[in-house]
Amino acid sequence: MIKRIRSDQLLPGMFIHDLNCGWMEHPFAFNSFKVNDAKTIDKIISSGIRELYIDSEKGLDVTDAQTHDEYHAVIHEQITSLIEKHEIKSPPPISLVEEAQQARVVHTEAHKVVHHLMSDVRMGKQLELAKLSPTVEHITNSIFRNKDAFISLSRIKNKDEYTFQHSVSVCALLVAFSREMGFDKDVVMEAGLGGLLHDVGKMKVPDQILNKPGALSESEFAIMKTHAALGRDLLKQTSGISEIAISITGQHHERFDGTGYPDKLQKDEISNFGQLAAIVDVYDALTSDRVYHKGMEPTAALKKLFEWSKFHFNPEMVQRFICLIGIYPVGTLVKLESGMLAIVVNPGTESLLRPVVRLVFDIKSNHYVTPHDIDLSNKLDSIVQYESPSSWNIDPFYFI
């Protein structure tokens, strides 16, 4: 049985099912393994892992611990309650369909700009902000017209180009998040620039570590962790860079409980934008395919963020982020009570739990249907759960 326990409850002889730290590159060869000694436990605790999951059938048990299913039922109920209370704002000025084409153009161009930027830094050239500012402005304008058009595109990544595409996604998500938090547009754009540059320090990390197709050794892990400080120091030497962008680059791996890096800052020692960036960076990392792991579906990633906000993130900001993205974001494959599979194509107008969906597959008869949209706000049907597109061999973005 899979159970959730505190890391300080670990004993030699327990079998770790999941280290529960997908928000970080951990210094362990595997995510699940048997604990053989106290040294391993000390290493887990010192890595900032506060809670994890054990398999009681493969090792020692903690009899009164909650099961995985029990705990996640509580998480689901809490998030559902949060979403139900969220006030739906007025619809965006431009529909997703209208914005989609322009968003694709901006998205493609942004990837090219970031690729050139990172390559220049790798070769020791100086950052040229003049090349970045128009890109950030175009992304910001697209997000302001309809955030879901650009953000849904950001989920489509080539795992071999992850570092560059991740930077564009973090930029877009930070723009949307900063706007949600009520900042003026000029400040939002500074946050977007910070998002675009947040991983620039990785260009100072050796290729064999940055692109290693597997777990990092302890020494490699230590080198990888230097990228936040390296990026911060690089930006401090660049004329015209705002403190917002510098704090995002230097603090996106800091954690609310002081277990992050490079400075082990905690709570209000971390700037507001550092706290926002930490949430956004983890969300995009969790939902992205990497060389060494398959990305989560957004719904699962948001639940993980909610779970980890007890220790690692600002809980209030995480809740705001979940309401911004929506528990079933555009592009999510969902199963309906009627037995249909559908793709979320627009957020709900009355509740984020009742979006507009595009029906594509009938589970009962096991065949595709002519795609057509229904608005779940009419309550004639409802979402039962999200589904993994790969399990059904469905590409949601083919239908959007």
Protein backbone atom coordinates (compact mmCIF):
# COMPACT_ATOMS: atom_id res chain seq x y z
CA MET A 1 0.00 0.00 0.00
CA ILE A 2 1.29 3.47 -0.90
CA LYS A 3 1.35 5.81 2.10
CA ARG A 4 2.42 9.41 2.71
CA ILE A 5 4.82 9.99 5.63
CA ARG A 6 7.10 12.74 6.92
CA SER A 7 10.74 12.31 5.99
CA ASP A 8 11.67 12.28 9.69
CA GLN A 9 9.54 9.11 10.06
CA LEU A 10 11.79 7.20 7.67
CA LEU A 11 13.59 4.13 8.99
CA PRO A 12 16.08 1.73 7.41
CA GLY A 13 14.09 -1.08 5.84
CA MET A 14 11.37 1.16 4.39
CA PHE A 15 10.82 1.24 0.63
CA ILE A 16 10.45 4.71 -0.87
CA HIS A 17 7.82 4.65 -3.61
CA ASP A 18 8.20 8.33 -4.53
CA LEU A 19 10.60 10.95 -3.15
CA ASN A 20 7.87 13.50 -3.87
CA CYS A 21 10.27 16.21 -4.98
CA GLY A 22 9.56 16.70 -8.65
CA TRP A 23 10.23 20.40 -8.16
CA MET A 24 13.99 19.83 -7.89
CA GLU A 25 16.87 17.89 -9.38
CA HIS A 26 17.51 15.59 -6.44
CA PRO A 27 20.88 13.94 -5.75
CA PHE A 28 19.58 10.36 -5.94
CA ALA A 29 20.00 7.87 -8.75
CA PHE A 30 16.34 6.82 -8.54
CA ASN A 31 13.04 8.22 -7.34
CA SER A 32 12.09 4.94 -5.63
CA PHE A 33 14.40 2.64 -3.68
CA LYS A 34 14.83 0.77 -0.40
CA VAL A 35 16.38 2.69 2.50
CA ASN A 36 19.34 0.74 3.82
CA ASP A 37 20.92 3.08 6.36
CA ALA A 38 20.54 6.24 8.42
CA LYS A 39 22.97 8.10 6.15
CA THR A 40 20.46 7.91 3.29
CA ILE A 41 17.74 9.29 5.55
CA ASP A 42 19.96 12.21 6.58
CA LYS A 43 20.66 12.90 2.91
CA ILE A 44 16.94 12.93 2.08
CA ILE A 45 16.13 15.34 4.93
CA SER A 46 19.05 17.64 4.13
CA SER A 47 17.87 17.80 0.50
CA GLY A 48 14.75 19.63 1.67
CA ILE A 49 12.34 16.71 1.20
CA ARG A 50 9.70 17.09 3.91
CA GLU A 51 7.14 14.43 2.93
CA LEU A 52 7.32 11.37 0.69
CA TYR A 53 5.55 8.14 -0.17
CA ILE A 54 6.46 4.63 0.96
CA ASP A 55 5.27 1.23 -0.25
CA SER A 56 4.33 -0.77 2.85
CA GLU A 57 4.20 -4.02 0.87
CA LYS A 58 7.89 -3.72 -0.07
CA GLY A 59 9.27 -2.51 3.24
CA LEU A 60 8.48 -1.40 6.79
CA ASP A 61 5.17 0.34 7.45
CA VAL A 62 3.89 3.38 9.35
CA THR A 63 0.54 2.01 10.46
CA ASP A 64 -1.29 5.28 11.11
CA ALA A 65 -0.09 7.09 7.95
CA GLN A 66 -2.62 8.23 5.35
CA THR A 67 -2.72 6.27 2.13
CA HIS A 68 -1.90 8.00 -1.13
CA ASP A 69 -5.55 7.80 -2.23
CA GLU A 70 -6.87 9.16 1.07
CA TYR A 71 -4.53 12.12 1.03
CA HIS A 72 -5.16 12.99 -2.60
CA ALA A 73 -8.91 12.80 -2.09
CA VAL A 74 -8.47 15.52 0.55
CA ILE A 75 -6.28 17.57 -1.83
CA HIS A 76 -8.89 17.24 -4.61
CA GLU A 77 -11.67 18.37 -2.28
CA GLN A 78 -9.65 21.40 -1.11
CA ILE A 79 -8.80 22.49 -4.65
CA THR A 80 -12.36 21.97 -5.85
CA SER A 81 -13.62 24.16 -2.99
CA LEU A 82 -11.01 26.80 -3.89
CA ILE A 83 -12.01 26.79 -7.56
CA GLU A 84 -15.73 26.94 -6.77
CA LYS A 85 -15.22 30.09 -4.69
CA HIS A 86 -13.12 31.78 -7.36
CA GLU A 87 -14.85 34.74 -8.97
CA ILE A 88 -14.79 34.52 -12.78
CA LYS A 89 -13.55 37.75 -14.30
CA SER A 90 -14.88 39.26 -17.50
CA PRO A 91 -13.93 37.34 -20.67
CA PRO A 92 -10.74 38.35 -22.53
CA PRO A 93 -11.08 41.03 -25.21
CA ILE A 94 -10.19 38.57 -27.97
CA SER A 95 -11.33 34.95 -28.26
CA LEU A 96 -8.85 32.09 -28.16
CA VAL A 97 -9.55 31.27 -31.81
CA GLU A 98 -8.86 34.86 -32.88
CA GLU A 99 -5.63 35.10 -30.88
CA ALA A 100 -4.29 31.63 -31.72
CA GLN A 101 -2.65 32.52 -35.03
CA GLN A 102 -0.87 35.61 -33.70
CA ALA A 103 0.20 33.69 -30.58
CA ARG A 104 1.83 31.01 -32.77
CA VAL A 105 3.83 33.67 -34.64
CA VAL A 106 5.01 35.28 -31.39
CA HIS A 107 5.74 31.87 -29.85
CA THR A 108 7.92 30.77 -32.77
CA GLU A 109 9.83 34.04 -32.88
CA ALA A 110 10.41 33.98 -29.12
CA HIS A 111 12.04 30.55 -29.33
CA LYS A 112 14.43 31.82 -31.99
CA VAL A 113 15.36 34.89 -29.95
CA VAL A 114 16.00 32.89 -26.77
CA HIS A 115 18.06 30.30 -28.68
CA HIS A 116 20.30 33.04 -30.07
CA LEU A 117 20.49 34.74 -26.67
CA MET A 118 21.58 31.57 -24.87
CA SER A 119 24.09 30.73 -27.60
CA ASP A 120 25.64 34.20 -27.29
CA VAL A 121 25.97 33.82 -23.53
CA ARG A 122 27.51 30.38 -24.00
CA MET A 123 30.15 31.97 -26.23
CA GLY A 124 30.86 34.70 -23.69
CA LYS A 125 29.12 37.54 -25.51
CA GLN A 126 27.33 40.30 -23.63
CA LEU A 127 23.56 40.28 -23.23
CA GLU A 128 21.77 42.61 -25.64
CA LEU A 129 18.52 43.72 -24.03
CA ALA A 130 17.47 45.55 -27.19
CA LYS A 131 16.92 42.16 -28.83
CA LEU A 132 14.80 40.86 -25.95
CA SER A 133 12.50 43.77 -25.15
CA PRO A 134 10.34 43.51 -28.32
CA THR A 135 9.90 39.76 -27.72
CA VAL A 136 8.73 40.33 -24.14
CA GLU A 137 6.38 43.07 -25.33
CA HIS A 138 4.85 40.79 -27.99
CA ILE A 139 4.36 37.97 -25.48
CA THR A 140 2.83 40.39 -22.97
CA ASN A 141 0.40 41.81 -25.53
CA SER A 142 -0.68 38.31 -26.54
CA ILE A 143 -1.25 37.34 -22.89
CA PHE A 144 -3.27 40.52 -22.32
CA ARG A 145 -5.44 39.78 -25.37
CA ASN A 146 -6.08 36.14 -24.40
CA LYS A 147 -3.72 34.35 -22.00
CA ASP A 148 -4.93 30.85 -22.86
CA ALA A 149 -3.87 31.04 -26.51
CA PHE A 150 -0.16 31.55 -25.75
CA ILE A 151 -0.04 29.49 -22.54
CA SER A 152 -1.62 26.45 -24.23
CA LEU A 153 1.06 26.66 -26.96
CA SER A 154 3.73 26.67 -24.26
CA ARG A 155 2.81 23.11 -23.31
CA ILE A 156 4.10 21.87 -26.68
CA LYS A 157 7.83 21.29 -26.29
CA ASN A 158 10.66 19.40 -27.94
CA LYS A 159 12.50 17.68 -25.08
CA ASP A 160 15.84 18.30 -26.81
CA GLU A 161 15.15 22.06 -26.82
CA TYR A 162 13.79 22.14 -23.27
CA THR A 163 16.04 24.84 -21.79
CA PHE A 164 15.11 27.38 -24.49
CA GLN A 165 11.40 26.54 -24.66
CA HIS A 166 11.13 26.47 -20.87
CA SER A 167 12.42 30.06 -20.75
CA VAL A 168 9.66 31.22 -23.13
CA SER A 169 7.01 29.37 -21.12
CA VAL A 170 8.19 30.81 -17.81
CA CYS A 171 8.15 34.28 -19.37
CA ALA A 172 4.54 33.86 -20.49
CA LEU A 173 3.38 32.34 -17.22
CA LEU A 174 5.07 35.08 -15.20
CA VAL A 175 3.43 37.75 -17.34
CA ALA A 176 0.01 36.18 -16.76
CA PHE A 177 0.67 35.59 -13.04
CA SER A 178 2.02 39.10 -12.42
CA ARG A 179 -1.00 40.57 -14.16
CA GLU A 180 -3.28 38.38 -12.01
CA MET A 181 -1.51 39.73 -8.90
CA GLY A 182 -2.45 43.28 -9.97
CA PHE A 183 0.86 44.75 -11.15
CA ASP A 184 0.97 47.51 -13.78
CA LYS A 185 1.87 46.55 -17.33
CA ASP A 186 5.39 48.00 -17.19
CA VAL A 187 6.13 45.94 -14.08
CA VAL A 188 4.55 42.88 -15.69
CA MET A 189 6.92 43.26 -18.63
CA GLU A 190 9.92 43.44 -16.28
CA ALA A 191 8.74 40.17 -14.75
CA GLY A 192 8.42 38.71 -18.24
CA LEU A 193 12.00 39.70 -19.03
CA GLY A 194 13.10 38.02 -15.81
CA GLY A 195 11.26 34.88 -16.88
CA LEU A 196 12.96 34.89 -20.26
CA LEU A 197 16.36 35.21 -18.55
CA HIS A 198 15.77 33.13 -15.41
CA ASP A 199 17.88 30.16 -16.59
CA VAL A 200 20.61 32.16 -18.34
CA GLY A 201 23.11 30.89 -15.75
CA LYS A 202 22.70 27.38 -17.16
CA MET A 203 24.76 28.52 -20.14
CA LYS A 204 27.72 28.59 -17.75
CA VAL A 205 27.10 24.96 -16.74
CA PRO A 206 29.05 22.31 -18.72
CA ASP A 207 27.01 20.70 -21.53
CA GLN A 208 27.63 17.18 -20.25
CA ILE A 209 25.84 18.10 -17.01
CA LEU A 210 23.12 20.32 -18.47
CA ASN A 211 22.11 17.75 -21.08
CA LYS A 212 22.81 14.55 -19.15
CA PRO A 213 20.05 12.02 -20.00
CA GLY A 214 19.71 10.70 -16.47
CA ALA A 215 20.19 11.41 -12.78
CA LEU A 216 23.02 13.72 -11.78
CA SER A 217 25.75 12.62 -9.38
CA GLU A 218 26.17 14.60 -6.16
CA SER A 219 29.05 16.59 -7.61
CA GLU A 220 27.13 17.26 -10.85
CA PHE A 221 24.08 18.26 -8.83
CA ALA A 222 26.16 20.77 -6.88
CA ILE A 223 27.43 22.30 -10.13
CA MET A 224 23.92 22.47 -11.62
CA LYS A 225 22.69 24.33 -8.54
CA THR A 226 25.17 27.14 -9.19
CA HIS A 227 23.18 28.32 -12.23
CA ALA A 228 20.86 30.61 -10.24
CA ALA A 229 23.74 32.54 -8.68
CA LEU A 230 25.67 32.56 -11.96
CA GLY A 231 22.66 34.01 -13.78
CA ARG A 232 22.05 36.61 -11.08
CA ASP A 233 25.69 37.73 -11.18
CA LEU A 234 25.63 37.90 -14.97
CA LEU A 235 22.55 40.14 -14.94
CA LYS A 236 24.05 42.41 -12.30
CA GLN A 237 26.86 43.11 -14.76
CA THR A 238 24.40 43.96 -17.55
CA SER A 239 23.37 47.57 -17.98
CA GLY A 240 19.65 48.32 -17.93
CA ILE A 241 18.48 45.17 -16.12
CA SER A 242 15.85 45.78 -13.42
CA GLU A 243 15.99 44.44 -9.87
CA ILE A 244 12.83 42.48 -10.68
CA ALA A 245 14.59 40.49 -13.41
CA ILE A 246 17.65 39.97 -11.22
CA SER A 247 15.57 38.69 -8.29
CA ILE A 248 13.66 36.27 -10.54
CA THR A 249 16.89 34.86 -11.95
CA GLY A 250 18.60 34.56 -8.57
CA GLN A 251 15.64 33.37 -6.49
CA HIS A 252 13.55 31.02 -8.65
CA HIS A 253 14.98 28.02 -6.77
CA GLU A 254 14.55 29.49 -3.28
CA ARG A 255 11.87 27.81 -1.19
CA PHE A 256 9.47 29.29 1.36
CA ASP A 257 10.82 27.04 4.17
CA GLY A 258 14.46 27.94 3.51
CA THR A 259 15.40 24.63 1.85
CA GLY A 260 16.11 26.13 -1.59
CA TYR A 261 19.21 27.63 -3.16
CA PRO A 262 21.50 29.50 -3.69
CA ASP A 263 21.02 31.49 -0.45
CA LYS A 264 18.52 29.41 1.54
CA LEU A 265 16.21 32.40 1.81
CA GLN A 266 12.83 31.88 3.45
CA LYS A 267 9.40 33.51 3.45
CA ASP A 268 9.61 37.29 3.06
CA GLU A 269 13.37 37.16 2.54
CA ILE A 270 12.40 36.03 -0.95
CA SER A 271 11.08 38.88 -3.11
CA ASN A 272 7.49 38.75 -4.36
CA PHE A 273 8.72 38.07 -7.87
CA GLY A 274 11.12 35.40 -6.64
CA GLN A 275 8.15 33.67 -5.00
CA LEU A 276 6.05 33.94 -8.17
CA ALA A 277 8.92 32.65 -10.29
CA ALA A 278 9.47 29.63 -8.03
CA ILE A 279 5.87 28.52 -8.56
CA VAL A 280 5.87 29.14 -12.31
CA ASP A 281 9.24 27.45 -12.86
CA VAL A 282 8.14 24.28 -11.08
CA TYR A 283 4.76 24.15 -12.83
CA ASP A 284 6.31 24.35 -16.28
CA ALA A 285 9.04 21.85 -15.37
CA LEU A 286 6.45 19.36 -14.08
CA THR A 287 4.29 19.61 -17.19
CA SER A 288 7.17 19.32 -19.68
CA ASP A 289 8.62 16.20 -21.25
CA ARG A 290 12.32 15.97 -20.45
CA VAL A 291 15.05 13.66 -21.68
CA TYR A 292 14.65 11.58 -18.51
CA HIS A 293 10.96 11.84 -17.61
CA LYS A 294 7.46 12.27 -19.02
CA GLY A 295 5.69 15.48 -18.08
CA MET A 296 2.59 15.49 -15.87
CA GLU A 297 -0.79 16.65 -17.00
CA PRO A 298 -1.48 20.22 -15.76
CA THR A 299 -4.21 19.07 -13.35
CA ALA A 300 -1.79 16.69 -11.62
CA ALA A 301 0.95 19.35 -11.53
CA LEU A 302 -1.37 21.90 -9.92
CA LYS A 303 -2.32 19.35 -7.27
CA LYS A 304 1.37 18.77 -6.56
CA LEU A 305 1.97 22.50 -6.20
CA PHE A 306 -0.95 22.69 -3.78
CA GLU A 307 0.48 19.78 -1.79
CA TRP A 308 3.98 21.28 -1.67
CA SER A 309 2.72 24.76 -0.74
CA LYS A 310 2.49 23.55 2.85
CA PHE A 311 6.28 23.88 3.01
CA HIS A 312 8.00 25.01 -0.17
CA PHE A 313 5.88 27.78 -1.71
CA ASN A 314 3.80 30.74 -0.63
CA PRO A 315 0.39 29.07 -0.08
CA GLU A 316 -1.66 32.15 -1.01
CA MET A 317 0.27 32.63 -4.25
CA VAL A 318 -0.14 28.97 -5.17
CA GLN A 319 -3.89 29.28 -4.71
CA ARG A 320 -3.94 32.39 -6.93
CA PHE A 321 -1.91 30.54 -9.56
CA ILE A 322 -4.27 27.55 -9.55
CA CYS A 323 -7.23 29.87 -10.10
CA LEU A 324 -5.33 31.66 -12.88
CA ILE A 325 -4.49 28.47 -14.79
CA GLY A 326 -7.71 26.65 -13.93
CA ILE A 327 -7.72 23.08 -12.69
CA TYR A 328 -8.63 22.00 -16.25
CA PRO A 329 -6.62 24.37 -18.49
CA VAL A 330 -7.17 24.72 -22.23
CA GLY A 331 -5.84 21.58 -23.92
CA THR A 332 -6.70 19.21 -21.05
CA LEU A 333 -8.28 15.87 -22.02
CA VAL A 334 -11.20 15.11 -19.69
CA LYS A 335 -13.69 12.30 -19.17
CA LEU A 336 -17.34 13.34 -18.84
CA GLU A 337 -20.15 11.70 -16.89
CA SER A 338 -21.79 10.82 -20.19
CA GLY A 339 -18.84 8.58 -21.11
CA MET A 340 -17.38 10.99 -23.66
CA LEU A 341 -13.79 12.18 -23.89
CA ALA A 342 -13.44 15.89 -24.54
CA ILE A 343 -10.78 18.58 -24.76
CA VAL A 344 -11.07 21.83 -22.85
CA VAL A 345 -11.15 24.64 -25.42
CA ASN A 346 -12.24 27.61 -23.29
CA PRO A 347 -12.38 28.36 -19.55
CA GLY A 348 -15.77 28.33 -17.91
CA THR A 349 -17.83 31.51 -17.97
CA GLU A 350 -19.48 30.69 -14.62
CA SER A 351 -17.06 28.24 -13.00
CA LEU A 352 -13.60 26.91 -13.83
CA LEU A 353 -14.99 23.46 -13.07
CA ARG A 354 -17.43 23.80 -15.99
CA PRO A 355 -15.46 24.93 -19.06
CA VAL A 356 -16.34 24.74 -22.74
CA VAL A 357 -15.17 21.37 -24.08
CA ARG A 358 -14.86 19.77 -27.52
CA LEU A 359 -16.22 16.22 -27.68
CA VAL A 360 -13.91 13.88 -29.62
CA PHE A 361 -14.36 10.26 -28.49
CA ASP A 362 -17.17 8.02 -27.23
CA ILE A 363 -15.79 5.57 -24.67
CA LYS A 364 -18.93 3.41 -24.63
CA SER A 365 -18.89 2.70 -28.36
CA ASN A 366 -15.08 3.05 -28.62
CA HIS A 367 -15.01 5.36 -31.60
CA TYR A 368 -14.27 8.97 -32.52
CA VAL A 369 -17.16 11.37 -32.97
CA THR A 370 -17.45 14.47 -35.13
CA PRO A 371 -15.85 17.12 -32.91
CA HIS A 372 -18.37 19.56 -31.49
CA ASP A 373 -18.39 21.92 -28.53
CA ILE A 374 -20.59 21.96 -25.45
CA ASP A 375 -20.64 24.48 -22.62
CA LEU A 376 -20.61 22.58 -19.32
CA SER A 377 -22.02 25.61 -17.52
CA ASN A 378 -25.45 24.38 -18.68
CA LYS A 379 -24.90 21.42 -16.30
CA LEU A 380 -26.19 18.86 -18.80
CA ASP A 381 -22.88 17.04 -18.41
CA SER A 382 -19.87 17.36 -16.11
CA ILE A 383 -16.21 16.43 -15.78
CA VAL A 384 -15.43 13.24 -13.87
CA GLN A 385 -11.63 13.44 -14.11
CA TYR A 386 -8.75 14.43 -16.34
CA GLU A 387 -7.21 11.78 -18.58
CA SER A 388 -3.74 11.07 -19.94
CA PRO A 389 -3.78 11.75 -23.71
CA SER A 390 -1.12 9.10 -24.33
CA SER A 391 -3.33 6.44 -22.71
CA TRP A 392 -5.97 7.11 -25.36
CA ASN A 393 -3.54 7.93 -28.17
CA ILE A 394 -5.16 11.35 -28.54
CA ASP A 395 -3.29 14.56 -29.27
CA PRO A 396 -5.49 17.29 -27.71
CA PHE A 397 -3.78 20.08 -29.68
CA TYR A 398 -4.76 18.44 -32.96
CA PHE A 399 -8.35 19.28 -32.12
CA ILE A 400 -7.85 22.86 -30.89
